[in-house]
Amino acid sequence: MNKTELINAIAEKSGLSKADSKKALDAVIESITGELKAGGKVALVGFGTFSVSEKSARKGINPRTKAVINIPAKKVAKFKPGADLAL
């Protein structure tokens, strides 16, 4: 499912127009992104938790040249599904 299909599903299930569904989805994504950028986490009970994880700097190997390269430290977004999100 892509973003357009998700917007259509939200509109169908909520009774909102597609334009309002797009605004709602964009607001949710923007809110989650903003909280993660601030270093916080977002817990949606029954769905899961979005958080930020820090990866330390490490050495890697360029597969083409076999040269050793330095991979800098970075922050990445993480999602941990909740127990109720059983597939």
PDB file of N, CA and C in Angstrom:
ATOM      1  N   MET A   1       0.852  -1.177   0.000  1.00  0.00           N
ATOM      2  CA  MET A   1       0.000   0.000   0.000  1.00  0.00           C
ATOM      3  C   MET A   1       0.895   1.235   0.000  1.00  0.00           C
ATOM      4  N   ASN A   2       0.626   2.147  -0.918  1.00  0.00           N
ATOM      5  CA  ASN A   2       1.380   3.392  -0.946  1.00  0.00           C
ATOM      6  C   ASN A   2       0.560   4.497  -0.276  1.00  0.00           C
ATOM      7  N   LYS A   3       1.097   5.710  -0.263  1.00  0.00           N
ATOM      8  CA  LYS A   3       0.443   6.815   0.441  1.00  0.00           C
ATOM      9  C   LYS A   3      -0.937   7.122  -0.136  1.00  0.00           C
ATOM     10  N   THR A   4      -1.081   7.113  -1.435  1.00  0.00           N
ATOM     11  CA  THR A   4      -2.378   7.396  -2.065  1.00  0.00           C
ATOM     12  C   THR A   4      -3.410   6.351  -1.681  1.00  0.00           C
ATOM     13  N   GLU A   5      -3.001   5.088  -1.691  1.00  0.00           N
ATOM     14  CA  GLU A   5      -3.919   4.017  -1.298  1.00  0.00           C
ATOM     15  C   GLU A   5      -4.302   4.127   0.170  1.00  0.00           C
ATOM     16  N   LEU A   6      -3.352   4.547   1.010  1.00  0.00           N
ATOM     17  CA  LEU A   6      -3.639   4.740   2.430  1.00  0.00           C
ATOM     18  C   LEU A   6      -4.623   5.887   2.630  1.00  0.00           C
ATOM     19  N   ILE A   7      -4.446   6.968   1.911  1.00  0.00           N
ATOM     20  CA  ILE A   7      -5.371   8.102   1.983  1.00  0.00           C
ATOM     21  C   ILE A   7      -6.773   7.660   1.566  1.00  0.00           C
ATOM     22  N   ASN A   8      -6.863   6.881   0.496  1.00  0.00           N
ATOM     23  CA  ASN A   8      -8.166   6.381   0.045  1.00  0.00           C
ATOM     24  C   ASN A   8      -8.814   5.484   1.107  1.00  0.00           C
ATOM     25  N   ALA A   9      -8.018   4.639   1.759  1.00  0.00           N
ATOM     26  CA  ALA A   9      -8.549   3.756   2.801  1.00  0.00           C
ATOM     27  C   ALA A   9      -9.021   4.553   4.010  1.00  0.00           C
ATOM     28  N   ILE A  10      -8.275   5.577   4.388  1.00  0.00           N
ATOM     29  CA  ILE A  10      -8.677   6.439   5.505  1.00  0.00           C
ATOM     30  C   ILE A  10      -9.988   7.136   5.180  1.00  0.00           C
ATOM     31  N   ALA A  11     -10.090   7.666   3.959  1.00  0.00           N
ATOM     32  CA  ALA A  11     -11.306   8.363   3.546  1.00  0.00           C
ATOM     33  C   ALA A  11     -12.505   7.424   3.578  1.00  0.00           C
ATOM     34  N   GLU A  12     -12.321   6.211   3.098  1.00  0.00           N
ATOM     35  CA  GLU A  12     -13.414   5.244   3.036  1.00  0.00           C
ATOM     36  C   GLU A  12     -13.882   4.824   4.429  1.00  0.00           C
ATOM     37  N   LYS A  13     -12.924   4.568   5.333  1.00  0.00           N
ATOM     38  CA  LYS A  13     -13.273   4.064   6.663  1.00  0.00           C
ATOM     39  C   LYS A  13     -13.739   5.151   7.618  1.00  0.00           C
ATOM     40  N   SER A  14     -13.300   6.400   7.393  1.00  0.00           N
ATOM     41  CA  SER A  14     -13.646   7.470   8.332  1.00  0.00           C
ATOM     42  C   SER A  14     -14.808   8.337   7.858  1.00  0.00           C
ATOM     43  N   GLY A  15     -15.112   8.271   6.573  1.00  0.00           N
ATOM     44  CA  GLY A  15     -16.162   9.129   6.041  1.00  0.00           C
ATOM     45  C   GLY A  15     -15.673  10.530   5.710  1.00  0.00           C
ATOM     46  N   LEU A  16     -14.374  10.767   5.844  1.00  0.00           N
ATOM     47  CA  LEU A  16     -13.788  12.059   5.486  1.00  0.00           C
ATOM     48  C   LEU A  16     -13.575  12.122   3.979  1.00  0.00           C
ATOM     49  N   SER A  17     -13.412  13.329   3.488  1.00  0.00           N
ATOM     50  CA  SER A  17     -13.075  13.467   2.070  1.00  0.00           C
ATOM     51  C   SER A  17     -11.615  13.065   1.889  1.00  0.00           C
ATOM     52  N   LYS A  18     -11.218  12.817   0.650  1.00  0.00           N
ATOM     53  CA  LYS A  18      -9.826  12.453   0.382  1.00  0.00           C
ATOM     54  C   LYS A  18      -8.890  13.595   0.756  1.00  0.00           C
ATOM     55  N   ALA A  19      -9.329  14.837   0.524  1.00  0.00           N
ATOM     56  CA  ALA A  19      -8.493  15.991   0.861  1.00  0.00           C
ATOM     57  C   ALA A  19      -8.285  16.078   2.374  1.00  0.00           C
ATOM     58  N   ASP A  20      -9.356  15.871   3.149  1.00  0.00           N
ATOM     59  CA  ASP A  20      -9.239  15.907   4.605  1.00  0.00           C
ATOM     60  C   ASP A  20      -8.417  14.729   5.115  1.00  0.00           C
ATOM     61  N   SER A  21      -8.554  13.573   4.478  1.00  0.00           N
ATOM     62  CA  SER A  21      -7.772  12.395   4.867  1.00  0.00           C
ATOM     63  C   SER A  21      -6.293  12.633   4.614  1.00  0.00           C
ATOM     64  N   LYS A  22      -5.968  13.290   3.502  1.00  0.00           N
ATOM     65  CA  LYS A  22      -4.567  13.610   3.201  1.00  0.00           C
ATOM     66  C   LYS A  22      -4.012  14.574   4.234  1.00  0.00           C
ATOM     67  N   LYS A  23      -4.802  15.588   4.602  1.00  0.00           N
ATOM     68  CA  LYS A  23      -4.357  16.543   5.619  1.00  0.00           C
ATOM     69  C   LYS A  23      -4.125  15.841   6.950  1.00  0.00           C
ATOM     70  N   ALA A  24      -5.021  14.934   7.325  1.00  0.00           N
ATOM     71  CA  ALA A  24      -4.883  14.207   8.588  1.00  0.00           C
ATOM     72  C   ALA A  24      -3.637  13.320   8.584  1.00  0.00           C
ATOM     73  N   LEU A  25      -3.428  12.588   7.504  1.00  0.00           N
ATOM     74  CA  LEU A  25      -2.253  11.726   7.404  1.00  0.00           C
ATOM     75  C   LEU A  25      -0.967  12.542   7.432  1.00  0.00           C
ATOM     76  N   ASP A  26      -0.932  13.646   6.685  1.00  0.00           N
ATOM     77  CA  ASP A  26       0.248  14.511   6.680  1.00  0.00           C
ATOM     78  C   ASP A  26       0.520  15.074   8.070  1.00  0.00           C
ATOM     79  N   ALA A  27      -0.541  15.431   8.809  1.00  0.00           N
ATOM     80  CA  ALA A  27      -0.376  15.955  10.166  1.00  0.00           C
ATOM     81  C   ALA A  27       0.200  14.893  11.100  1.00  0.00           C
ATOM     82  N   VAL A  28      -0.269  13.667  10.974  1.00  0.00           N
ATOM     83  CA  VAL A  28       0.242  12.573  11.816  1.00  0.00           C
ATOM     84  C   VAL A  28       1.717  12.330  11.510  1.00  0.00           C
ATOM     85  N   ILE A  29       2.061  12.244  10.249  1.00  0.00           N
ATOM     86  CA  ILE A  29       3.455  11.996   9.856  1.00  0.00           C
ATOM     87  C   ILE A  29       4.350  13.138  10.324  1.00  0.00           C
ATOM     88  N   GLU A  30       3.882  14.366  10.154  1.00  0.00           N
ATOM     89  CA  GLU A  30       4.659  15.542  10.560  1.00  0.00           C
ATOM     90  C   GLU A  30       4.856  15.546  12.080  1.00  0.00           C
ATOM     91  N   SER A  31       3.826  15.184  12.821  1.00  0.00           N
ATOM     92  CA  SER A  31       3.916  15.161  14.287  1.00  0.00           C
ATOM     93  C   SER A  31       4.898  14.099  14.766  1.00  0.00           C
ATOM     94  N   ILE A  32       4.836  12.911  14.193  1.00  0.00           N
ATOM     95  CA  ILE A  32       5.754  11.831  14.568  1.00  0.00           C
ATOM     96  C   ILE A  32       7.186  12.213  14.213  1.00  0.00           C
ATOM     97  N   THR A  33       7.380  12.754  13.020  1.00  0.00           N
ATOM     98  CA  THR A  33       8.715  13.167  12.578  1.00  0.00           C
ATOM     99  C   THR A  33       9.290  14.243  13.488  1.00  0.00           C
ATOM    100  N   GLY A  34       8.468  15.223  13.836  1.00  0.00           N
ATOM    101  CA  GLY A  34       8.927  16.302  14.710  1.00  0.00           C
ATOM    102  C   GLY A  34       9.353  15.793  16.075  1.00  0.00           C
ATOM    103  N   GLU A  35       8.583  14.876  16.639  1.00  0.00           N
ATOM    104  CA  GLU A  35       8.926  14.320  17.951  1.00  0.00           C
ATOM    105  C   GLU A  35      10.211  13.505  17.885  1.00  0.00           C
ATOM    106  N   LEU A  36      10.397  12.732  16.820  1.00  0.00           N
ATOM    107  CA  LEU A  36      11.624  11.946  16.677  1.00  0.00           C
ATOM    108  C   LEU A  36      12.840  12.844  16.480  1.00  0.00           C
ATOM    109  N   LYS A  37      12.682  13.918  15.718  1.00  0.00           N
ATOM    110  CA  LYS A  37      13.791  14.856  15.520  1.00  0.00           C
ATOM    111  C   LYS A  37      14.177  15.534  16.821  1.00  0.00           C
ATOM    112  N   ALA A  38      13.207  15.717  17.728  1.00  0.00           N
ATOM    113  CA  ALA A  38      13.474  16.328  19.027  1.00  0.00           C
ATOM    114  C   ALA A  38      14.079  15.318  20.002  1.00  0.00           C
ATOM    115  N   GLY A  39      14.221  14.068  19.565  1.00  0.00           N
ATOM    116  CA  GLY A  39      14.826  13.042  20.404  1.00  0.00           C
ATOM    117  C   GLY A  39      13.839  12.260  21.248  1.00  0.00           C
ATOM    118  N   GLY A  40      12.556  12.500  21.069  1.00  0.00           N
ATOM    119  CA  GLY A  40      11.540  11.816  21.854  1.00  0.00           C
ATOM    120  C   GLY A  40      11.094  10.525  21.207  1.00  0.00           C
ATOM    121  N   LYS A  41      10.017   9.974  21.751  1.00  0.00           N
ATOM    122  CA  LYS A  41       9.442   8.776  21.154  1.00  0.00           C
ATOM    123  C   LYS A  41       7.927   8.921  21.144  1.00  0.00           C
ATOM    124  N   VAL A  42       7.287   8.179  20.264  1.00  0.00           N
ATOM    125  CA  VAL A  42       5.837   8.222  20.108  1.00  0.00           C
ATOM    126  C   VAL A  42       5.316   6.804  20.330  1.00  0.00           C
ATOM    127  N   ALA A  43       4.490   6.643  21.361  1.00  0.00           N
ATOM    128  CA  ALA A  43       3.923   5.334  21.682  1.00  0.00           C
ATOM    129  C   ALA A  43       2.439   5.345  21.349  1.00  0.00           C
ATOM    130  N   LEU A  44       2.031   4.497  20.436  1.00  0.00           N
ATOM    131  CA  LEU A  44       0.629   4.336  20.071  1.00  0.00           C
ATOM    132  C   LEU A  44       0.180   2.993  20.624  1.00  0.00           C
ATOM    133  N   VAL A  45      -0.532   3.036  21.747  1.00  0.00           N
ATOM    134  CA  VAL A  45      -0.939   1.816  22.446  1.00  0.00           C
ATOM    135  C   VAL A  45      -1.742   0.922  21.499  1.00  0.00           C
ATOM    136  N   GLY A  46      -1.360  -0.334  21.438  1.00  0.00           N
ATOM    137  CA  GLY A  46      -2.018  -1.289  20.567  1.00  0.00           C
ATOM    138  C   GLY A  46      -1.442  -1.331  19.165  1.00  0.00           C
ATOM    139  N   PHE A  47      -0.601  -0.361  18.817  1.00  0.00           N
ATOM    140  CA  PHE A  47      -0.001  -0.337  17.489  1.00  0.00           C
ATOM    141  C   PHE A  47       1.503  -0.540  17.576  1.00  0.00           C
ATOM    142  N   GLY A  48       2.200   0.363  18.286  1.00  0.00           N
ATOM    143  CA  GLY A  48       3.642   0.245  18.417  1.00  0.00           C
ATOM    144  C   GLY A  48       4.273   1.536  18.863  1.00  0.00           C
ATOM    145  N   THR A  49       5.596   1.540  18.913  1.00  0.00           N
ATOM    146  CA  THR A  49       6.349   2.691  19.387  1.00  0.00           C
ATOM    147  C   THR A  49       7.403   3.093  18.361  1.00  0.00           C
ATOM    148  N   PHE A  50       7.416   4.384  18.036  1.00  0.00           N
ATOM    149  CA  PHE A  50       8.455   4.957  17.185  1.00  0.00           C
ATOM    150  C   PHE A  50       9.488   5.574  18.119  1.00  0.00           C
ATOM    151  N   SER A  51      10.774   5.322  17.868  1.00  0.00           N
ATOM    152  CA  SER A  51      11.824   5.905  18.700  1.00  0.00           C
ATOM    153  C   SER A  51      13.057   6.168  17.843  1.00  0.00           C
ATOM    154  N   VAL A  52      14.054   6.805  18.474  1.00  0.00           N
ATOM    155  CA  VAL A  52      15.306   7.113  17.790  1.00  0.00           C
ATOM    156  C   VAL A  52      16.398   6.245  18.392  1.00  0.00           C
ATOM    157  N   SER A  53      17.207   5.647  17.545  1.00  0.00           N
ATOM    158  CA  SER A  53      18.324   4.825  17.981  1.00  0.00           C
ATOM    159  C   SER A  53      19.606   5.431  17.413  1.00  0.00           C
ATOM    160  N   GLU A  54      20.664   5.388  18.207  1.00  0.00           N
ATOM    161  CA  GLU A  54      21.941   5.917  17.735  1.00  0.00           C
ATOM    162  C   GLU A  54      22.848   4.766  17.328  1.00  0.00           C
ATOM    163  N   LYS A  55      23.394   4.882  16.138  1.00  0.00           N
ATOM    164  CA  LYS A  55      24.364   3.891  15.661  1.00  0.00           C
ATOM    165  C   LYS A  55      25.745   4.517  15.786  1.00  0.00           C
ATOM    166  N   SER A  56      26.652   3.795  16.396  1.00  0.00           N
ATOM    167  CA  SER A  56      27.990   4.331  16.596  1.00  0.00           C
ATOM    168  C   SER A  56      28.794   4.263  15.297  1.00  0.00           C
ATOM    169  N   ALA A  57      29.867   5.035  15.269  1.00  0.00           N
ATOM    170  CA  ALA A  57      30.756   5.027  14.105  1.00  0.00           C
ATOM    171  C   ALA A  57      31.430   3.659  14.018  1.00  0.00           C
ATOM    172  N   ARG A  58      31.688   3.235  12.799  1.00  0.00           N
ATOM    173  CA  ARG A  58      32.326   1.937  12.620  1.00  0.00           C
ATOM    174  C   ARG A  58      33.109   1.918  11.309  1.00  0.00           C
ATOM    175  N   LYS A  59      33.883   0.886  11.143  1.00  0.00           N
ATOM    176  CA  LYS A  59      34.654   0.729   9.908  1.00  0.00           C
ATOM    177  C   LYS A  59      33.912  -0.257   9.004  1.00  0.00           C
ATOM    178  N   GLY A  60      33.947   0.023   7.728  1.00  0.00           N
ATOM    179  CA  GLY A  60      33.322  -0.834   6.743  1.00  0.00           C
ATOM    180  C   GLY A  60      34.288  -1.092   5.602  1.00  0.00           C
ATOM    181  N   ILE A  61      33.852  -1.870   4.637  1.00  0.00           N
ATOM    182  CA  ILE A  61      34.699  -2.183   3.479  1.00  0.00           C
ATOM    183  C   ILE A  61      33.920  -1.847   2.213  1.00  0.00           C
ATOM    184  N   ASN A  62      34.562  -1.088   1.331  1.00  0.00           N
ATOM    185  CA  ASN A  62      33.983  -0.794   0.033  1.00  0.00           C
ATOM    186  C   ASN A  62      34.039  -2.084  -0.782  1.00  0.00           C
ATOM    187  N   PRO A  63      32.874  -2.647  -1.167  1.00  0.00           N
ATOM    188  CA  PRO A  63      32.892  -3.936  -1.864  1.00  0.00           C
ATOM    189  C   PRO A  63      33.582  -3.900  -3.228  1.00  0.00           C
ATOM    190  N   ARG A  64      33.605  -2.743  -3.845  1.00  0.00           N
ATOM    191  CA  ARG A  64      34.225  -2.645  -5.172  1.00  0.00           C
ATOM    192  C   ARG A  64      35.742  -2.613  -5.086  1.00  0.00           C
ATOM    193  N   THR A  65      36.269  -1.765  -4.168  1.00  0.00           N
ATOM    194  CA  THR A  65      37.726  -1.582  -4.097  1.00  0.00           C
ATOM    195  C   THR A  65      38.367  -2.338  -2.939  1.00  0.00           C
ATOM    196  N   LYS A  66      37.574  -2.880  -2.053  1.00  0.00           N
ATOM    197  CA  LYS A  66      38.032  -3.583  -0.849  1.00  0.00           C
ATOM    198  C   LYS A  66      38.776  -2.657   0.110  1.00  0.00           C
ATOM    199  N   ALA A  67      38.632  -1.344  -0.094  1.00  0.00           N
ATOM    200  CA  ALA A  67      39.281  -0.378   0.786  1.00  0.00           C
ATOM    201  C   ALA A  67      38.463  -0.221   2.065  1.00  0.00           C
ATOM    202  N   VAL A  68      39.156  -0.012   3.178  1.00  0.00           N
ATOM    203  CA  VAL A  68      38.498   0.211   4.456  1.00  0.00           C
ATOM    204  C   VAL A  68      37.988   1.652   4.483  1.00  0.00           C
ATOM    205  N   ILE A  69      36.726   1.827   4.876  1.00  0.00           N
ATOM    206  CA  ILE A  69      36.148   3.158   4.953  1.00  0.00           C
ATOM    207  C   ILE A  69      35.579   3.375   6.353  1.00  0.00           C
ATOM    208  N   ASN A  70      35.520   4.635   6.752  1.00  0.00           N
ATOM    209  CA  ASN A  70      34.925   4.989   8.038  1.00  0.00           C
ATOM    210  C   ASN A  70      33.459   5.338   7.818  1.00  0.00           C
ATOM    211  N   ILE A  71      32.572   4.691   8.565  1.00  0.00           N
ATOM    212  CA  ILE A  71      31.143   4.986   8.500  1.00  0.00           C
ATOM    213  C   ILE A  71      30.820   5.822   9.730  1.00  0.00           C
ATOM    214  N   PRO A  72      30.357   7.062   9.543  1.00  0.00           N
ATOM    215  CA  PRO A  72      30.128   7.945  10.692  1.00  0.00           C
ATOM    216  C   PRO A  72      28.929   7.506  11.545  1.00  0.00           C
ATOM    217  N   ALA A  73      28.912   7.979  12.771  1.00  0.00           N
ATOM    218  CA  ALA A  73      27.781   7.714  13.665  1.00  0.00           C
ATOM    219  C   ALA A  73      26.552   8.436  13.120  1.00  0.00           C
ATOM    220  N   LYS A  74      25.368   7.866  13.394  1.00  0.00           N
ATOM    221  CA  LYS A  74      24.146   8.505  12.930  1.00  0.00           C
ATOM    222  C   LYS A  74      22.971   8.075  13.787  1.00  0.00           C
ATOM    223  N   LYS A  75      21.905   8.818  13.681  1.00  0.00           N
ATOM    224  CA  LYS A  75      20.662   8.485  14.367  1.00  0.00           C
ATOM    225  C   LYS A  75      19.690   7.926  13.340  1.00  0.00           C
ATOM    226  N   VAL A  76      18.968   6.876  13.730  1.00  0.00           N
ATOM    227  CA  VAL A  76      17.998   6.258  12.833  1.00  0.00           C
ATOM    228  C   VAL A  76      16.669   6.091  13.553  1.00  0.00           C
ATOM    229  N   ALA A  77      15.589   6.130  12.794  1.00  0.00           N
ATOM    230  CA  ALA A  77      14.260   5.908  13.344  1.00  0.00           C
ATOM    231  C   ALA A  77      14.031   4.413  13.489  1.00  0.00           C
ATOM    232  N   LYS A  78      13.349   4.035  14.575  1.00  0.00           N
ATOM    233  CA  LYS A  78      13.064   2.638  14.857  1.00  0.00           C
ATOM    234  C   LYS A  78      11.577   2.489  15.139  1.00  0.00           C
ATOM    235  N   PHE A  79      11.017   1.357  14.777  1.00  0.00           N
ATOM    236  CA  PHE A  79       9.623   1.055  15.104  1.00  0.00           C
ATOM    237  C   PHE A  79       9.562  -0.310  15.764  1.00  0.00           C
ATOM    238  N   LYS A  80       8.937  -0.356  16.933  1.00  0.00           N
ATOM    239  CA  LYS A  80       8.739  -1.621  17.632  1.00  0.00           C
ATOM    240  C   LYS A  80       7.240  -1.891  17.679  1.00  0.00           C
ATOM    241  N   PRO A  81       6.776  -2.932  17.000  1.00  0.00           N
ATOM    242  CA  PRO A  81       5.339  -3.217  16.980  1.00  0.00           C
ATOM    243  C   PRO A  81       4.828  -3.599  18.363  1.00  0.00           C
ATOM    244  N   GLY A  82       3.598  -3.204  18.642  1.00  0.00           N
ATOM    245  CA  GLY A  82       2.970  -3.552  19.901  1.00  0.00           C
ATOM    246  C   GLY A  82       2.466  -4.990  19.885  1.00  0.00           C
ATOM    247  N   ALA A  83       2.142  -5.509  21.057  1.00  0.00           N
ATOM    248  CA  ALA A  83       1.684  -6.891  21.178  1.00  0.00           C
ATOM    249  C   ALA A  83       0.364  -7.109  20.439  1.00  0.00           C
ATOM    250  N   ASP A  84      -0.471  -6.073  20.363  1.00  0.00           N
ATOM    251  CA  ASP A  84      -1.758  -6.209  19.697  1.00  0.00           C
ATOM    252  C   ASP A  84      -1.643  -6.204  18.175  1.00  0.00           C
ATOM    253  N   LEU A  85      -0.463  -5.923  17.652  1.00  0.00           N
ATOM    254  CA  LEU A  85      -0.252  -5.861  16.203  1.00  0.00           C
ATOM    255  C   LEU A  85       0.228  -7.220  15.711  1.00  0.00           C
ATOM    256  N   ALA A  86      -0.510  -8.241  16.042  1.00  0.00           N
ATOM    257  CA  ALA A  86      -0.150  -9.592  15.615  1.00  0.00           C
ATOM    258  C   ALA A  86      -0.658  -9.810  14.183  1.00  0.00           C
ATOM    259  N   LEU A  87       0.180 -10.362  13.370  1.00  0.00           N
ATOM    260  CA  LEU A  87      -0.189 -10.596  11.965  1.00  0.00           C
ATOM    261  C   LEU A  87      -0.637 -12.005  11.745  1.00  0.00           C
TER     262      LEU A  87
END
